[in-house]
Protein backbone atom coordinates (compact mmCIF):
# COMPACT_ATOMS: atom_id res chain seq x y z
CA MET A 1 0.00 0.00 0.00
CA ALA A 2 1.18 3.49 -0.80
CA ILE A 3 -0.42 6.56 0.72
CA ASP A 4 0.14 9.99 -0.80
CA VAL A 5 -0.98 13.01 1.23
CA TYR A 6 -2.15 16.16 -0.53
CA LEU A 7 -3.19 19.53 0.88
CA ASP A 8 -5.40 21.51 -1.45
CA ASP A 9 -5.50 25.31 -1.69
CA THR A 10 -7.99 25.44 1.21
CA MET A 11 -5.54 23.39 3.34
CA THR A 12 -7.90 20.41 3.30
CA LYS A 13 -6.07 17.10 3.57
CA TRP A 14 -6.68 14.41 0.96
CA LEU A 15 -5.26 10.89 0.79
CA HIS A 16 -4.57 8.94 -2.38
CA VAL A 17 -4.39 5.34 -1.12
CA GLN A 18 -3.06 2.79 -3.57
CA GLU A 19 -3.41 -0.86 -2.74
CA TYR A 20 -1.04 -3.06 -4.69
CA THR A 21 -2.45 -6.41 -5.75
CA ALA A 22 -1.12 -9.10 -3.44
CA PRO A 23 1.03 -11.86 -4.90
CA LYS A 24 -0.68 -15.16 -5.67
CA SER A 25 0.96 -16.68 -2.58
CA ILE A 26 -1.40 -14.60 -0.38
CA ASP A 27 -5.02 -15.73 -0.36
CA GLU A 28 -7.70 -13.22 -1.32
CA ALA A 29 -9.47 -13.29 2.07
CA THR A 30 -6.26 -12.33 3.86
CA SER A 31 -5.66 -9.54 1.38
CA ILE A 32 -9.19 -8.16 1.80
CA GLU A 33 -8.93 -8.29 5.60
CA ARG A 34 -5.60 -6.47 5.52
CA LEU A 35 -7.14 -3.71 3.41
CA ARG A 36 -10.17 -3.42 5.74
CA GLU A 37 -7.87 -3.13 8.76
CA ALA A 38 -5.77 -0.44 7.08
CA LEU A 39 -8.82 1.58 6.03
CA ALA A 40 -10.19 1.36 9.58
CA VAL A 41 -7.12 3.05 11.10
CA ILE A 42 -5.99 5.43 8.34
CA PRO A 43 -8.53 8.25 8.97
CA GLU A 44 -7.64 8.66 12.66
CA SER A 45 -3.94 7.90 12.23
CA LEU A 46 -3.51 10.53 9.51
CA SER A 47 -6.20 12.95 10.73
CA VAL A 48 -8.28 12.91 7.59
CA SER A 49 -11.98 12.63 6.91
CA PRO A 50 -12.93 9.25 5.42
CA SER A 51 -14.68 11.17 2.62
CA ASN A 52 -11.29 12.60 1.63
CA ILE A 53 -9.71 9.21 1.05
CA ILE A 54 -9.50 8.00 -2.52
CA LEU A 55 -8.73 4.26 -2.80
CA LYS A 56 -7.31 2.66 -5.92
CA ASN A 57 -6.05 -0.80 -6.72
CA ARG A 58 -2.74 -1.06 -8.53
CA SER A 59 -2.11 -4.16 -10.56
CA VAL A 60 0.09 -4.99 -13.52
CA GLN A 61 -1.33 -3.25 -16.57
CA LYS A 62 -0.22 -3.65 -20.14
CA GLY A 63 -0.46 -1.49 -23.22
CA THR A 64 -3.00 1.31 -23.11
CA MET A 65 -4.78 -0.11 -20.04
CA GLN A 66 -2.57 1.98 -17.75
CA TYR A 67 -3.98 5.15 -19.34
CA GLU A 68 -7.67 4.24 -19.16
CA LYS A 69 -9.99 6.48 -17.18
CA ASN A 70 -11.24 5.17 -13.86
CA ASP A 71 -13.96 7.79 -13.48
CA SER A 72 -15.21 11.00 -15.05
CA MET A 73 -15.63 13.27 -12.05
CA GLY A 74 -13.30 15.91 -13.47
CA GLN A 75 -12.50 17.22 -10.01
CA TYR A 76 -9.06 18.76 -9.75
CA LEU A 77 -7.39 19.83 -6.54
CA LYS A 78 -5.13 22.85 -6.58
CA ILE A 79 -2.02 21.99 -4.62
CA GLN A 80 1.31 23.65 -4.03
CA GLU A 81 4.72 22.01 -4.24
CA ASN A 82 7.37 24.53 -3.27
CA SER A 83 6.53 27.57 -5.43
CA ALA A 84 4.64 25.58 -8.08
CA HIS A 85 0.85 25.60 -8.09
CA LEU A 86 -0.36 22.41 -9.76
CA LEU A 87 -3.57 20.53 -10.45
CA VAL A 88 -4.00 16.93 -9.37
CA ASN A 89 -6.92 14.63 -10.06
CA LEU A 90 -7.32 11.91 -7.46
CA THR A 91 -10.28 10.11 -9.02
CA ASP A 92 -10.33 9.94 -12.81
CA TYR A 93 -7.07 8.14 -13.57
CA LEU A 94 -4.82 5.63 -11.88
CA ASP A 95 -2.17 8.35 -11.49
CA THR A 96 -2.89 11.80 -10.07
CA GLY A 97 -1.01 13.94 -12.60
CA LEU A 98 1.90 14.46 -10.24
CA PHE A 99 4.46 11.71 -9.83
CA LEU A 100 5.71 12.18 -6.28
CA ASP A 101 8.87 10.18 -6.94
CA HIS A 102 9.81 12.79 -9.58
CA ARG A 103 10.02 15.54 -6.97
CA PRO A 104 13.87 15.54 -6.99
CA ILE A 105 14.00 16.10 -10.77
CA ARG A 106 11.43 18.91 -10.57
CA LYS A 107 13.57 20.54 -7.89
CA TRP A 108 16.75 20.07 -9.95
CA VAL A 109 15.11 21.59 -13.05
CA ARG A 110 13.84 24.57 -11.03
CA GLU A 111 17.33 25.15 -9.59
CA ASN A 112 19.38 24.62 -12.77
CA LEU A 113 17.53 25.98 -15.80
CA SER A 114 17.82 29.72 -15.30
CA GLY A 115 18.54 31.36 -18.65
CA LYS A 116 18.20 28.07 -20.56
CA ARG A 117 15.70 26.61 -23.01
CA PHE A 118 13.76 23.52 -21.94
CA LEU A 119 12.28 20.69 -24.01
CA ASN A 120 9.89 18.34 -22.21
CA LEU A 121 9.06 15.30 -24.35
CA PHE A 122 6.23 13.07 -23.18
CA CYS A 123 5.46 15.88 -20.75
CA TYR A 124 2.38 14.26 -19.18
CA THR A 125 0.86 17.16 -17.17
CA ALA A 126 3.94 19.40 -17.60
CA THR A 127 4.78 19.67 -13.91
CA VAL A 128 8.48 19.67 -14.79
CA THR A 129 7.87 22.44 -17.33
CA VAL A 130 6.17 24.53 -14.63
CA ASN A 131 9.31 24.16 -12.53
CA ALA A 132 11.55 25.10 -15.48
CA ALA A 133 9.56 28.31 -15.91
CA LEU A 134 9.67 29.05 -12.19
CA GLY A 135 13.42 28.47 -12.28
CA GLY A 136 13.92 31.10 -14.97
CA ALA A 137 14.00 29.07 -18.20
CA THR A 138 13.84 31.49 -21.13
CA GLU A 139 11.77 29.18 -23.35
CA SER A 140 10.04 25.84 -23.06
CA LEU A 141 8.34 23.38 -25.36
CA SER A 142 6.24 20.58 -23.91
CA LEU A 143 5.01 17.71 -26.07
CA ASP A 144 2.73 14.79 -25.39
CA MET A 145 0.59 12.53 -27.58
CA SER A 146 -2.44 12.86 -25.29
CA LYS A 147 -4.78 15.83 -25.77
CA THR A 148 -6.11 15.22 -22.27
CA TYR A 149 -2.65 15.59 -20.75
CA LEU A 150 -1.80 18.58 -22.93
CA ASN A 151 -4.95 20.35 -21.79
CA TRP A 152 -4.06 19.53 -18.19
CA ALA A 153 -0.54 20.79 -18.89
CA LYS A 154 -1.94 24.13 -20.11
CA GLU A 155 -3.92 24.47 -16.89
CA ASN A 156 -0.77 23.80 -14.87
C-alpha cells in the first residue's frame, strides 16, 4: 500500500491510497482483511476525513490499459509544491497527474535551468515544465501525444 498526502489550496487534507495487488501466494481473504484493517485506522492515524480518502487498486497493466480512465468526475485539486501551483486529479485516472517520486527532478530543473531553453518530451501534465519556468528558463516546449494531458498541462 502506498499513501500519498495532498493539501489543497484550502488546506484540506486528501489521501490517495493505492493498494497493490497481493502476490498469488497470499489468499484473497487475507488480502481483503488487511485492506479493511488499514482503512479502519488510516482516517484517525492521519487525521483525515474518510470522505477525503481515494482508494485505488494497482495491478500490472499492459499497453493502453494503464492510461484508461477510472472515473469522469473531473474534479481537480489545486495543490502547491514549493513555489509551483499544480492541479491533481485523485479520481479519474490511476495516477494523479503528479508523480511524487519525480520531486527531486522537478527541484533540480527549477534550480538549474535559469537562462536556458527547456524541451519536455512526453510531458504528461507538464509539472516539470512549470518548474523550469519558475526556475527562470527562457523558453520551453512541452510535447505529449495525449490531448487530455496537454490540456491539463496548459492548466498547470
